[in-house]
Amino acid sequence: MDSEQLLGKFITVEGPDGAGKTTLINGLTAKLEASLKVPLVLTREPGGDPIAEQIRRIILDPANTALDPRAEALLYAASRRQHLIHTVLPALTAGHLVLCDRFVDSSIAYQGYGREIGEAGILAINEFATDGRQPDLTLYLDITAEEGIRRIQANRSEADQNRLDVETIDFHQRVHQGYQVLREQYPDRIQVIDATQSPEAMQDEALRIVQSHFPQFFA
């Protein structure tokens, strides 16, 4: 589907585990719904569609420790395709604002760098899955791997931790490195928010960024 046919805008939220994405998205959603002139569609990856949610359960199940890194990357791409076709693109065609928890950047950071598959392979399978579609704007919550792990251990019970939460510090450091590379590659699309701020300060900054990029959607 050509970009010129899409009346809406696609915003993604990215960041290492423990950065506070869920808190930011919840707070930003409330602020957006109070001021937007168009409907807001809140979604996530992996998931965001009934079939994609089934794939999500396989990917994140702590019992699936034998999941091959390339198989994992392909599952993410399969989930992404299903989600894009059945949730994201219809909303954009209808002129809605889509706010999505993670997209291709996560696959590059987590599988390309974290799993050390390499960026080229991840880009290739996701080019096929998405027809090259990129977000119009990405809010990246920046936090060190060490602080992210500290927050996970402090705020999530062992039962609530998924397969990625329990990875090694080296893995999470590689993920953080991957995000830094992406920041340099896409400085206009990826807007950095310091995730050591208070949740309210992060939400206010995120709202200002969205409003400045898409003023036509606000009253």
N, C-alpha and C. Protein backbone atom coordinates (compact mmCIF):
# COMPACT_ATOMS: atom_id res chain seq x y z
N MET A 1 0.85 -1.20 0.00
CA MET A 1 0.00 0.00 0.00
C MET A 1 0.88 1.24 0.00
N ASP A 2 0.63 2.17 -0.91
CA ASP A 2 1.45 3.35 -1.04
C ASP A 2 1.22 4.31 0.12
N SER A 3 2.31 5.02 0.51
CA SER A 3 2.23 5.95 1.63
C SER A 3 1.21 7.04 1.38
N GLU A 4 1.07 7.47 0.09
CA GLU A 4 0.16 8.58 -0.18
C GLU A 4 -1.30 8.20 0.05
N GLN A 5 -1.61 6.91 0.13
CA GLN A 5 -2.97 6.46 0.39
C GLN A 5 -3.29 6.46 1.89
N LEU A 6 -2.29 6.62 2.72
CA LEU A 6 -2.47 6.53 4.16
C LEU A 6 -2.64 7.92 4.75
N LEU A 7 -3.81 8.17 5.30
CA LEU A 7 -4.12 9.49 5.84
C LEU A 7 -3.65 9.65 7.28
N GLY A 8 -3.46 8.53 7.99
CA GLY A 8 -3.05 8.59 9.38
C GLY A 8 -1.54 8.62 9.54
N LYS A 9 -1.09 8.55 10.79
CA LYS A 9 0.34 8.53 11.10
C LYS A 9 0.64 7.37 12.05
N PHE A 10 1.84 6.83 11.88
CA PHE A 10 2.26 5.63 12.60
C PHE A 10 3.40 6.00 13.55
N ILE A 11 3.12 5.92 14.85
CA ILE A 11 4.11 6.25 15.89
C ILE A 11 4.47 4.98 16.64
N THR A 12 5.76 4.74 16.82
CA THR A 12 6.20 3.60 17.61
C THR A 12 6.94 4.07 18.85
N VAL A 13 6.91 3.23 19.88
CA VAL A 13 7.65 3.49 21.12
C VAL A 13 8.65 2.36 21.28
N GLU A 14 9.91 2.72 21.46
CA GLU A 14 10.99 1.74 21.55
C GLU A 14 11.83 1.99 22.79
N GLY A 15 12.58 0.96 23.17
CA GLY A 15 13.51 1.10 24.29
C GLY A 15 13.88 -0.25 24.86
N PRO A 16 15.00 -0.32 25.56
CA PRO A 16 15.41 -1.56 26.21
C PRO A 16 14.42 -1.96 27.29
N ASP A 17 14.45 -3.22 27.68
CA ASP A 17 13.61 -3.68 28.78
C ASP A 17 13.91 -2.87 30.03
N GLY A 18 12.84 -2.47 30.73
CA GLY A 18 13.00 -1.69 31.94
C GLY A 18 12.99 -0.20 31.73
N ALA A 19 12.87 0.25 30.48
CA ALA A 19 12.92 1.69 30.20
C ALA A 19 11.65 2.43 30.61
N GLY A 20 10.55 1.69 30.79
CA GLY A 20 9.30 2.33 31.19
C GLY A 20 8.34 2.58 30.05
N LYS A 21 8.41 1.75 29.01
CA LYS A 21 7.54 1.95 27.86
C LYS A 21 6.06 1.85 28.22
N THR A 22 5.71 0.85 29.00
CA THR A 22 4.30 0.65 29.34
C THR A 22 3.73 1.84 30.09
N THR A 23 4.48 2.35 31.06
CA THR A 23 4.04 3.52 31.82
C THR A 23 3.91 4.73 30.91
N LEU A 24 4.89 4.92 30.04
CA LEU A 24 4.84 6.05 29.12
C LEU A 24 3.63 5.94 28.18
N ILE A 25 3.43 4.77 27.61
CA ILE A 25 2.32 4.60 26.67
C ILE A 25 0.98 4.83 27.35
N ASN A 26 0.82 4.33 28.56
CA ASN A 26 -0.44 4.53 29.28
C ASN A 26 -0.69 6.01 29.54
N GLY A 27 0.33 6.72 30.00
CA GLY A 27 0.18 8.14 30.28
C GLY A 27 0.00 8.96 29.02
N LEU A 28 0.77 8.65 27.98
CA LEU A 28 0.67 9.38 26.72
C LEU A 28 -0.68 9.15 26.07
N THR A 29 -1.19 7.94 26.17
CA THR A 29 -2.51 7.63 25.60
C THR A 29 -3.58 8.54 26.19
N ALA A 30 -3.57 8.69 27.50
CA ALA A 30 -4.56 9.56 28.15
C ALA A 30 -4.43 11.00 27.68
N LYS A 31 -3.20 11.47 27.55
CA LYS A 31 -2.99 12.86 27.10
C LYS A 31 -3.41 13.04 25.64
N LEU A 32 -3.12 12.06 24.81
CA LEU A 32 -3.50 12.15 23.40
C LEU A 32 -5.01 12.11 23.23
N GLU A 33 -5.67 11.22 23.93
CA GLU A 33 -7.12 11.10 23.79
C GLU A 33 -7.84 12.37 24.23
N ALA A 34 -7.19 13.16 25.10
CA ALA A 34 -7.81 14.40 25.56
C ALA A 34 -7.63 15.55 24.58
N SER A 35 -6.76 15.37 23.59
CA SER A 35 -6.45 16.51 22.71
C SER A 35 -6.48 16.20 21.22
N LEU A 36 -6.58 14.95 20.82
CA LEU A 36 -6.58 14.60 19.41
C LEU A 36 -7.91 14.90 18.73
N LYS A 37 -7.84 15.23 17.45
CA LYS A 37 -9.04 15.41 16.64
C LYS A 37 -9.42 14.12 15.91
N VAL A 38 -8.54 13.14 15.92
CA VAL A 38 -8.77 11.88 15.20
C VAL A 38 -8.69 10.72 16.19
N PRO A 39 -9.26 9.56 15.84
CA PRO A 39 -9.17 8.40 16.73
C PRO A 39 -7.73 7.94 16.93
N LEU A 40 -7.46 7.42 18.13
CA LEU A 40 -6.16 6.86 18.47
C LEU A 40 -6.29 5.34 18.53
N VAL A 41 -5.39 4.64 17.86
CA VAL A 41 -5.35 3.18 17.91
C VAL A 41 -4.09 2.78 18.67
N LEU A 42 -4.28 2.10 19.79
CA LEU A 42 -3.17 1.64 20.63
C LEU A 42 -2.94 0.16 20.37
N THR A 43 -1.71 -0.21 20.04
CA THR A 43 -1.43 -1.60 19.71
C THR A 43 0.00 -1.95 20.13
N ARG A 44 0.40 -3.21 19.89
CA ARG A 44 1.72 -3.65 20.37
C ARG A 44 2.29 -4.75 19.48
N GLU A 45 3.59 -4.93 19.62
CA GLU A 45 4.28 -6.06 18.98
C GLU A 45 5.20 -6.74 19.98
N PRO A 46 5.39 -8.05 19.86
CA PRO A 46 4.58 -8.91 19.00
C PRO A 46 3.14 -8.96 19.50
N GLY A 47 2.20 -9.09 18.58
CA GLY A 47 0.79 -9.12 18.93
C GLY A 47 0.00 -8.09 18.15
N GLY A 48 -1.08 -7.60 18.74
CA GLY A 48 -1.89 -6.59 18.09
C GLY A 48 -2.93 -7.13 17.13
N ASP A 49 -3.05 -8.44 17.06
CA ASP A 49 -3.98 -9.15 16.18
C ASP A 49 -4.13 -10.54 16.78
N PRO A 50 -5.31 -11.18 16.69
CA PRO A 50 -5.48 -12.49 17.35
C PRO A 50 -4.42 -13.52 16.97
N ILE A 51 -4.10 -13.64 15.70
CA ILE A 51 -3.08 -14.61 15.29
C ILE A 51 -1.70 -14.17 15.76
N ALA A 52 -1.41 -12.88 15.64
CA ALA A 52 -0.12 -12.36 16.10
C ALA A 52 0.06 -12.55 17.60
N GLU A 53 -1.04 -12.47 18.36
CA GLU A 53 -0.96 -12.69 19.81
C GLU A 53 -0.60 -14.14 20.13
N GLN A 54 -1.06 -15.07 19.30
CA GLN A 54 -0.68 -16.47 19.50
C GLN A 54 0.82 -16.66 19.28
N ILE A 55 1.35 -15.98 18.27
CA ILE A 55 2.79 -16.05 18.01
C ILE A 55 3.55 -15.42 19.18
N ARG A 56 3.02 -14.33 19.73
CA ARG A 56 3.65 -13.66 20.87
C ARG A 56 3.85 -14.63 22.04
N ARG A 57 2.84 -15.45 22.30
CA ARG A 57 2.94 -16.37 23.44
C ARG A 57 4.08 -17.37 23.24
N ILE A 58 4.28 -17.81 22.01
CA ILE A 58 5.39 -18.73 21.73
C ILE A 58 6.73 -18.03 21.95
N ILE A 59 6.86 -16.81 21.42
CA ILE A 59 8.13 -16.08 21.49
C ILE A 59 8.55 -15.81 22.93
N LEU A 60 7.60 -15.38 23.76
CA LEU A 60 7.94 -14.90 25.10
C LEU A 60 7.83 -15.96 26.20
N ASP A 61 7.37 -17.15 25.87
CA ASP A 61 7.22 -18.21 26.86
C ASP A 61 8.59 -18.56 27.46
N PRO A 62 8.77 -18.38 28.78
CA PRO A 62 10.07 -18.69 29.40
C PRO A 62 10.50 -20.14 29.22
N ALA A 63 9.54 -21.03 28.93
CA ALA A 63 9.88 -22.44 28.75
C ALA A 63 10.56 -22.71 27.41
N ASN A 64 10.44 -21.78 26.47
CA ASN A 64 10.98 -22.01 25.13
C ASN A 64 12.44 -21.57 25.02
N THR A 65 13.26 -22.10 25.90
CA THR A 65 14.68 -21.72 25.91
C THR A 65 15.44 -22.27 24.70
N ALA A 66 14.89 -23.29 24.04
CA ALA A 66 15.56 -23.89 22.88
C ALA A 66 15.21 -23.20 21.57
N LEU A 67 14.45 -22.10 21.63
CA LEU A 67 14.06 -21.41 20.40
C LEU A 67 15.30 -20.86 19.69
N ASP A 68 15.51 -21.30 18.47
CA ASP A 68 16.67 -20.88 17.69
C ASP A 68 16.58 -19.38 17.38
N PRO A 69 17.71 -18.64 17.45
CA PRO A 69 17.66 -17.19 17.20
C PRO A 69 17.05 -16.81 15.86
N ARG A 70 17.36 -17.55 14.81
CA ARG A 70 16.77 -17.21 13.51
C ARG A 70 15.28 -17.55 13.48
N ALA A 71 14.91 -18.65 14.11
CA ALA A 71 13.49 -18.98 14.20
C ALA A 71 12.74 -17.90 14.97
N GLU A 72 13.36 -17.40 16.04
CA GLU A 72 12.77 -16.31 16.81
C GLU A 72 12.57 -15.08 15.94
N ALA A 73 13.59 -14.72 15.17
CA ALA A 73 13.49 -13.55 14.29
C ALA A 73 12.40 -13.72 13.25
N LEU A 74 12.26 -14.92 12.72
CA LEU A 74 11.22 -15.18 11.72
C LEU A 74 9.83 -15.14 12.34
N LEU A 75 9.71 -15.60 13.58
CA LEU A 75 8.42 -15.52 14.27
C LEU A 75 8.01 -14.06 14.50
N TYR A 76 8.97 -13.23 14.91
CA TYR A 76 8.67 -11.80 15.07
C TYR A 76 8.20 -11.20 13.74
N ALA A 77 8.87 -11.55 12.65
CA ALA A 77 8.50 -11.00 11.35
C ALA A 77 7.13 -11.49 10.91
N ALA A 78 6.81 -12.75 11.19
CA ALA A 78 5.49 -13.29 10.84
C ALA A 78 4.40 -12.58 11.63
N SER A 79 4.63 -12.41 12.92
CA SER A 79 3.68 -11.68 13.76
C SER A 79 3.51 -10.25 13.25
N ARG A 80 4.61 -9.63 12.87
CA ARG A 80 4.58 -8.24 12.39
C ARG A 80 3.76 -8.11 11.11
N ARG A 81 3.93 -9.04 10.19
CA ARG A 81 3.17 -8.99 8.95
C ARG A 81 1.67 -9.07 9.22
N GLN A 82 1.28 -10.02 10.05
CA GLN A 82 -0.13 -10.20 10.39
C GLN A 82 -0.70 -8.94 11.04
N HIS A 83 0.05 -8.38 11.95
CA HIS A 83 -0.36 -7.17 12.68
C HIS A 83 -0.45 -5.97 11.74
N LEU A 84 0.52 -5.83 10.86
CA LEU A 84 0.54 -4.69 9.94
C LEU A 84 -0.67 -4.72 9.01
N ILE A 85 -0.95 -5.89 8.45
CA ILE A 85 -2.02 -6.01 7.46
C ILE A 85 -3.40 -5.87 8.10
N HIS A 86 -3.59 -6.42 9.28
CA HIS A 86 -4.93 -6.49 9.86
C HIS A 86 -5.23 -5.40 10.89
N THR A 87 -4.20 -4.72 11.39
CA THR A 87 -4.44 -3.69 12.41
C THR A 87 -3.90 -2.33 11.99
N VAL A 88 -2.62 -2.26 11.67
CA VAL A 88 -1.97 -0.96 11.46
C VAL A 88 -2.43 -0.28 10.17
N LEU A 89 -2.31 -0.96 9.04
CA LEU A 89 -2.64 -0.32 7.76
C LEU A 89 -4.11 0.07 7.65
N PRO A 90 -5.06 -0.75 8.11
CA PRO A 90 -6.45 -0.30 8.06
C PRO A 90 -6.68 0.98 8.87
N ALA A 91 -6.03 1.08 10.03
CA ALA A 91 -6.18 2.28 10.85
C ALA A 91 -5.57 3.50 10.17
N LEU A 92 -4.41 3.33 9.56
CA LEU A 92 -3.77 4.45 8.86
C LEU A 92 -4.59 4.88 7.64
N THR A 93 -5.15 3.92 6.94
CA THR A 93 -5.99 4.24 5.79
C THR A 93 -7.22 5.05 6.20
N ALA A 94 -7.73 4.76 7.40
CA ALA A 94 -8.90 5.47 7.92
C ALA A 94 -8.55 6.83 8.51
N GLY A 95 -7.26 7.19 8.52
CA GLY A 95 -6.85 8.49 9.03
C GLY A 95 -6.61 8.56 10.51
N HIS A 96 -6.44 7.41 11.15
CA HIS A 96 -6.23 7.37 12.59
C HIS A 96 -4.75 7.56 12.94
N LEU A 97 -4.50 7.90 14.19
CA LEU A 97 -3.14 7.94 14.73
C LEU A 97 -2.88 6.61 15.41
N VAL A 98 -1.85 5.90 14.99
CA VAL A 98 -1.52 4.58 15.55
C VAL A 98 -0.32 4.72 16.47
N LEU A 99 -0.49 4.27 17.72
CA LEU A 99 0.60 4.27 18.70
C LEU A 99 0.93 2.81 19.01
N CYS A 100 2.12 2.38 18.64
CA CYS A 100 2.49 0.97 18.72
C CYS A 100 3.69 0.75 19.63
N ASP A 101 3.56 -0.19 20.53
CA ASP A 101 4.64 -0.61 21.42
C ASP A 101 5.54 -1.57 20.64
N ARG A 102 6.65 -1.07 20.11
CA ARG A 102 7.69 -1.78 19.36
C ARG A 102 7.30 -2.01 17.90
N PHE A 103 8.37 -2.08 17.06
CA PHE A 103 8.21 -2.41 15.64
C PHE A 103 9.56 -2.96 15.15
N VAL A 104 9.94 -2.71 13.93
CA VAL A 104 11.15 -3.32 13.35
C VAL A 104 12.41 -2.96 14.12
N ASP A 105 12.48 -1.75 14.66
CA ASP A 105 13.68 -1.36 15.43
C ASP A 105 13.98 -2.36 16.54
N SER A 106 12.94 -2.89 17.17
CA SER A 106 13.15 -3.87 18.23
C SER A 106 13.82 -5.13 17.70
N SER A 107 13.40 -5.57 16.52
CA SER A 107 14.01 -6.77 15.94
C SER A 107 15.48 -6.54 15.61
N ILE A 108 15.79 -5.35 15.11
CA ILE A 108 17.19 -5.04 14.82
C ILE A 108 18.02 -5.03 16.10
N ALA A 109 17.49 -4.38 17.15
CA ALA A 109 18.24 -4.28 18.40
C ALA A 109 18.34 -5.63 19.12
N TYR A 110 17.22 -6.35 19.22
CA TYR A 110 17.20 -7.58 20.02
C TYR A 110 17.74 -8.79 19.26
N GLN A 111 17.31 -8.97 18.02
CA GLN A 111 17.79 -10.14 17.28
C GLN A 111 19.08 -9.81 16.51
N GLY A 112 19.11 -8.67 15.85
CA GLY A 112 20.30 -8.31 15.08
C GLY A 112 21.53 -8.13 15.94
N TYR A 113 21.37 -7.40 17.06
CA TYR A 113 22.50 -7.12 17.95
C TYR A 113 22.49 -8.04 19.17
N GLY A 114 21.37 -8.14 19.87
CA GLY A 114 21.32 -8.97 21.07
C GLY A 114 21.65 -10.42 20.79
N ARG A 115 21.01 -10.98 19.75
CA ARG A 115 21.26 -12.38 19.36
C ARG A 115 22.46 -12.52 18.41
N GLU A 116 22.99 -11.38 17.99
CA GLU A 116 24.17 -11.35 17.10
C GLU A 116 23.91 -12.02 15.75
N ILE A 117 22.68 -11.92 15.26
CA ILE A 117 22.36 -12.41 13.92
C ILE A 117 22.92 -11.48 12.86
N GLY A 118 22.95 -10.19 13.19
CA GLY A 118 23.41 -9.18 12.24
C GLY A 118 22.25 -8.37 11.70
N GLU A 119 22.51 -7.10 11.48
CA GLU A 119 21.45 -6.19 11.04
C GLU A 119 20.93 -6.54 9.65
N ALA A 120 21.81 -6.98 8.75
CA ALA A 120 21.42 -7.22 7.36
C ALA A 120 20.34 -8.30 7.25
N GLY A 121 20.51 -9.40 7.97
CA GLY A 121 19.53 -10.47 7.92
C GLY A 121 18.18 -10.05 8.45
N ILE A 122 18.20 -9.30 9.56
CA ILE A 122 16.94 -8.83 10.15
C ILE A 122 16.25 -7.86 9.21
N LEU A 123 17.01 -6.98 8.59
CA LEU A 123 16.42 -6.03 7.63
C LEU A 123 15.80 -6.77 6.45
N ALA A 124 16.45 -7.82 5.99
CA ALA A 124 15.95 -8.56 4.82
C ALA A 124 14.59 -9.20 5.10
N ILE A 125 14.46 -9.90 6.23
CA ILE A 125 13.19 -10.57 6.49
C ILE A 125 12.09 -9.57 6.83
N ASN A 126 12.47 -8.45 7.41
CA ASN A 126 11.45 -7.45 7.75
C ASN A 126 11.07 -6.58 6.56
N GLU A 127 11.97 -6.42 5.60
CA GLU A 127 11.61 -5.77 4.34
C GLU A 127 10.52 -6.59 3.65
N PHE A 128 10.68 -7.91 3.67
CA PHE A 128 9.68 -8.80 3.08
C PHE A 128 8.37 -8.73 3.87
N ALA A 129 8.47 -8.70 5.19
CA ALA A 129 7.27 -8.72 6.04
C ALA A 129 6.48 -7.42 5.98
N THR A 130 7.16 -6.30 5.81
CA THR A 130 6.49 -5.00 5.92
C THR A 130 6.42 -4.22 4.62
N ASP A 131 6.97 -4.77 3.54
CA ASP A 131 7.09 -4.03 2.28
C ASP A 131 7.85 -2.72 2.47
N GLY A 132 8.78 -2.74 3.43
CA GLY A 132 9.62 -1.57 3.66
C GLY A 132 8.98 -0.45 4.45
N ARG A 133 7.82 -0.69 5.02
CA ARG A 133 7.15 0.37 5.77
C ARG A 133 7.90 0.70 7.05
N GLN A 134 8.10 1.99 7.31
CA GLN A 134 8.71 2.47 8.54
C GLN A 134 7.71 3.37 9.28
N PRO A 135 7.89 3.51 10.58
CA PRO A 135 7.04 4.45 11.32
C PRO A 135 7.28 5.88 10.83
N ASP A 136 6.29 6.73 11.04
CA ASP A 136 6.46 8.16 10.75
C ASP A 136 7.26 8.83 11.86
N LEU A 137 7.19 8.28 13.06
CA LEU A 137 7.88 8.83 14.23
C LEU A 137 8.13 7.72 15.22
N THR A 138 9.31 7.73 15.84
CA THR A 138 9.63 6.76 16.89
C THR A 138 10.08 7.50 18.14
N LEU A 139 9.45 7.18 19.26
CA LEU A 139 9.85 7.70 20.57
C LEU A 139 10.74 6.65 21.22
N TYR A 140 12.02 6.97 21.37
CA TYR A 140 12.97 6.01 21.94
C TYR A 140 13.31 6.40 23.37
N LEU A 141 13.01 5.50 24.31
CA LEU A 141 13.30 5.74 25.72
C LEU A 141 14.68 5.18 26.02
N ASP A 142 15.61 6.05 26.35
CA ASP A 142 17.00 5.65 26.51
C ASP A 142 17.35 5.41 27.97
N ILE A 143 17.90 4.22 28.21
CA ILE A 143 18.33 3.84 29.56
C ILE A 143 19.45 2.81 29.40
N THR A 144 20.38 2.78 30.34
CA THR A 144 21.46 1.80 30.25
C THR A 144 20.94 0.40 30.52
N ALA A 145 21.67 -0.59 30.02
CA ALA A 145 21.28 -1.98 30.26
C ALA A 145 21.27 -2.30 31.75
N GLU A 146 22.24 -1.76 32.47
CA GLU A 146 22.33 -2.04 33.91
C GLU A 146 21.12 -1.50 34.66
N GLU A 147 20.71 -0.27 34.34
CA GLU A 147 19.56 0.31 35.02
C GLU A 147 18.28 -0.41 34.62
N GLY A 148 18.18 -0.81 33.36
CA GLY A 148 17.00 -1.55 32.92
C GLY A 148 16.83 -2.85 33.67
N ILE A 149 17.91 -3.60 33.82
CA ILE A 149 17.85 -4.87 34.55
C ILE A 149 17.52 -4.63 36.01
N ARG A 150 18.10 -3.58 36.60
CA ARG A 150 17.80 -3.27 38.00
C ARG A 150 16.31 -3.02 38.18
N ARG A 151 15.71 -2.29 37.27
CA ARG A 151 14.27 -2.00 37.37
C ARG A 151 13.43 -3.26 37.20
N ILE A 152 13.83 -4.11 36.25
CA ILE A 152 13.08 -5.36 36.05
C ILE A 152 13.10 -6.20 37.32
N GLN A 153 14.27 -6.34 37.90
CA GLN A 153 14.39 -7.17 39.10
C GLN A 153 13.64 -6.57 40.28
N ALA A 154 13.56 -5.24 40.32
CA ALA A 154 12.88 -4.57 41.43
C ALA A 154 11.37 -4.56 41.27
N ASN A 155 10.89 -4.53 40.02
CA ASN A 155 9.47 -4.29 39.79
C ASN A 155 8.68 -5.47 39.26
N ARG A 156 9.37 -6.52 38.80
CA ARG A 156 8.65 -7.67 38.24
C ARG A 156 8.98 -8.91 39.05
N SER A 157 7.94 -9.65 39.42
CA SER A 157 8.17 -10.91 40.10
C SER A 157 8.76 -11.90 39.11
N GLU A 158 9.34 -12.96 39.61
CA GLU A 158 9.92 -13.97 38.73
C GLU A 158 8.88 -14.53 37.78
N ALA A 159 7.64 -14.68 38.27
CA ALA A 159 6.56 -15.22 37.44
C ALA A 159 6.18 -14.28 36.31
N ASP A 160 6.40 -12.97 36.50
CA ASP A 160 6.03 -11.97 35.49
C ASP A 160 7.13 -11.72 34.46
N GLN A 161 8.31 -12.29 34.69
CA GLN A 161 9.42 -12.05 33.77
C GLN A 161 9.33 -13.00 32.57
N ASN A 162 9.51 -12.43 31.36
CA ASN A 162 9.45 -13.26 30.16
C ASN A 162 10.85 -13.73 29.76
N ARG A 163 10.92 -14.40 28.62
CA ARG A 163 12.18 -15.04 28.20
C ARG A 163 13.29 -14.03 27.95
N LEU A 164 12.93 -12.81 27.55
CA LEU A 164 13.95 -11.79 27.30
C LEU A 164 14.41 -11.11 28.58
N ASP A 165 13.51 -11.03 29.57
CA ASP A 165 13.86 -10.37 30.83
C ASP A 165 15.02 -11.07 31.53
N VAL A 166 15.12 -12.38 31.37
CA VAL A 166 16.11 -13.16 32.12
C VAL A 166 17.40 -13.39 31.33
N GLU A 167 17.57 -12.66 30.22
CA GLU A 167 18.81 -12.77 29.45
C GLU A 167 19.97 -12.14 30.23
N THR A 168 21.20 -12.41 29.78
CA THR A 168 22.40 -11.94 30.46
C THR A 168 22.59 -10.43 30.28
N ILE A 169 23.43 -9.84 31.12
CA ILE A 169 23.75 -8.42 31.00
C ILE A 169 24.43 -8.16 29.66
N ASP A 170 25.25 -9.09 29.17
CA ASP A 170 25.90 -8.91 27.88
C ASP A 170 24.87 -8.78 26.76
N PHE A 171 23.83 -9.60 26.82
CA PHE A 171 22.76 -9.52 25.82
C PHE A 171 22.12 -8.14 25.84
N HIS A 172 21.75 -7.66 27.02
CA HIS A 172 21.08 -6.37 27.13
C HIS A 172 22.00 -5.21 26.74
N GLN A 173 23.28 -5.36 26.97
CA GLN A 173 24.23 -4.32 26.53
C GLN A 173 24.31 -4.28 25.01
N ARG A 174 24.26 -5.44 24.37
CA ARG A 174 24.27 -5.46 22.90
C ARG A 174 22.99 -4.85 22.34
N VAL A 175 21.86 -5.11 23.01
CA VAL A 175 20.59 -4.50 22.60
C VAL A 175 20.70 -2.98 22.65
N HIS A 176 21.25 -2.48 23.76
CA HIS A 176 21.41 -1.03 23.91
C HIS A 176 22.31 -0.47 22.81
N GLN A 177 23.38 -1.19 22.50
CA GLN A 177 24.28 -0.77 21.42
C GLN A 177 23.52 -0.69 20.10
N GLY A 178 22.66 -1.68 19.84
CA GLY A 178 21.88 -1.67 18.62
C GLY A 178 20.99 -0.45 18.50
N TYR A 179 20.38 -0.07 19.61
CA TYR A 179 19.53 1.13 19.60
C TYR A 179 20.35 2.39 19.33
N GLN A 180 21.58 2.44 19.85
CA GLN A 180 22.42 3.61 19.60
C GLN A 180 22.77 3.73 18.12
N VAL A 181 23.01 2.59 17.48
CA VAL A 181 23.28 2.60 16.04
C VAL A 181 22.06 3.12 15.27
N LEU A 182 20.88 2.66 15.66
CA LEU A 182 19.65 3.10 14.99
C LEU A 182 19.42 4.59 15.17
N ARG A 183 19.72 5.10 16.36
CA ARG A 183 19.59 6.55 16.60
C ARG A 183 20.42 7.35 15.60
N GLU A 184 21.62 6.86 15.35
CA GLU A 184 22.51 7.56 14.42
C GLU A 184 22.05 7.42 12.97
N GLN A 185 21.45 6.28 12.64
CA GLN A 185 20.99 6.05 11.27
C GLN A 185 19.74 6.85 10.93
N TYR A 186 18.86 7.03 11.92
CA TYR A 186 17.57 7.68 11.67
C TYR A 186 17.34 8.83 12.65
N PRO A 187 18.17 9.86 12.60
CA PRO A 187 18.06 10.93 13.61
C PRO A 187 16.78 11.74 13.52
N ASP A 188 16.16 11.80 12.36
CA ASP A 188 14.92 12.56 12.23
C ASP A 188 13.72 11.77 12.75
N ARG A 189 13.66 10.49 12.37
CA ARG A 189 12.53 9.66 12.79
C ARG A 189 12.59 9.32 14.27
N ILE A 190 13.77 8.98 14.78
CA ILE A 190 13.90 8.52 16.16
C ILE A 190 14.18 9.71 17.08
N GLN A 191 13.23 10.01 17.94
CA GLN A 191 13.36 11.09 18.91
C GLN A 191 13.66 10.49 20.29
N VAL A 192 14.74 10.92 20.90
CA VAL A 192 15.24 10.31 22.13
C VAL A 192 14.65 10.99 23.36
N ILE A 193 14.15 10.17 24.29
CA ILE A 193 13.64 10.66 25.57
C ILE A 193 14.46 10.02 26.68
N ASP A 194 14.99 10.82 27.57
CA ASP A 194 15.78 10.33 28.70
C ASP A 194 14.86 9.58 29.66
N ALA A 195 15.05 8.27 29.77
CA ALA A 195 14.17 7.44 30.58
C ALA A 195 14.52 7.45 32.06
N THR A 196 15.49 8.29 32.47
CA THR A 196 15.76 8.44 33.90
C THR A 196 14.92 9.57 34.49
N GLN A 197 14.16 10.28 33.66
CA GLN A 197 13.25 11.31 34.16
C GLN A 197 12.07 10.68 34.89
N SER A 198 11.28 11.51 35.54
CA SER A 198 10.05 11.02 36.15
C SER A 198 9.08 10.60 35.05
N PRO A 199 8.16 9.67 35.34
CA PRO A 199 7.18 9.26 34.33
C PRO A 199 6.39 10.43 33.76
N GLU A 200 5.98 11.37 34.61
CA GLU A 200 5.20 12.52 34.14
C GLU A 200 6.01 13.39 33.19
N ALA A 201 7.29 13.61 33.51
CA ALA A 201 8.15 14.40 32.63
C ALA A 201 8.34 13.72 31.28
N MET A 202 8.49 12.40 31.29
CA MET A 202 8.63 11.66 30.04
C MET A 202 7.36 11.75 29.20
N GLN A 203 6.21 11.64 29.84
CA GLN A 203 4.94 11.72 29.12
C GLN A 203 4.73 13.10 28.51
N ASP A 204 5.06 14.14 29.27
CA ASP A 204 4.92 15.51 28.75
C ASP A 204 5.85 15.74 27.56
N GLU A 205 7.08 15.24 27.66
CA GLU A 205 8.03 15.39 26.56
C GLU A 205 7.54 14.64 25.32
N ALA A 206 7.04 13.43 25.53
CA ALA A 206 6.52 12.64 24.41
C ALA A 206 5.36 13.35 23.73
N LEU A 207 4.46 13.93 24.52
CA LEU A 207 3.32 14.65 23.95
C LEU A 207 3.79 15.84 23.13
N ARG A 208 4.77 16.58 23.63
CA ARG A 208 5.29 17.73 22.89
C ARG A 208 5.88 17.30 21.55
N ILE A 209 6.59 16.18 21.57
CA ILE A 209 7.20 15.68 20.33
C ILE A 209 6.13 15.32 19.31
N VAL A 210 5.11 14.59 19.76
CA VAL A 210 4.03 14.18 18.84
C VAL A 210 3.31 15.41 18.30
N GLN A 211 2.99 16.36 19.17
CA GLN A 211 2.29 17.56 18.73
C GLN A 211 3.11 18.36 17.72
N SER A 212 4.42 18.43 17.94
CA SER A 212 5.26 19.21 17.02
C SER A 212 5.40 18.53 15.66
N HIS A 213 5.34 17.20 15.63
CA HIS A 213 5.47 16.48 14.37
C HIS A 213 4.16 16.45 13.58
N PHE A 214 3.05 16.37 14.30
CA PHE A 214 1.75 16.21 13.63
C PHE A 214 0.72 17.20 14.17
N PRO A 215 0.97 18.49 14.02
CA PRO A 215 0.04 19.49 14.58
C PRO A 215 -1.35 19.41 13.97
N GLN A 216 -1.46 18.86 12.76
CA GLN A 216 -2.76 18.79 12.08
C GLN A 216 -3.76 17.87 12.79
N PHE A 217 -3.26 17.02 13.69
CA PHE A 217 -4.14 16.08 14.37
C PHE A 217 -4.66 16.61 15.71
N PHE A 218 -4.26 17.82 16.07
CA PHE A 218 -4.64 18.36 17.38
C PHE A 218 -5.55 19.57 17.24
N ALA A 219 -6.46 19.68 18.20
CA ALA A 219 -7.42 20.80 18.19
C ALA A 219 -6.70 22.10 18.52
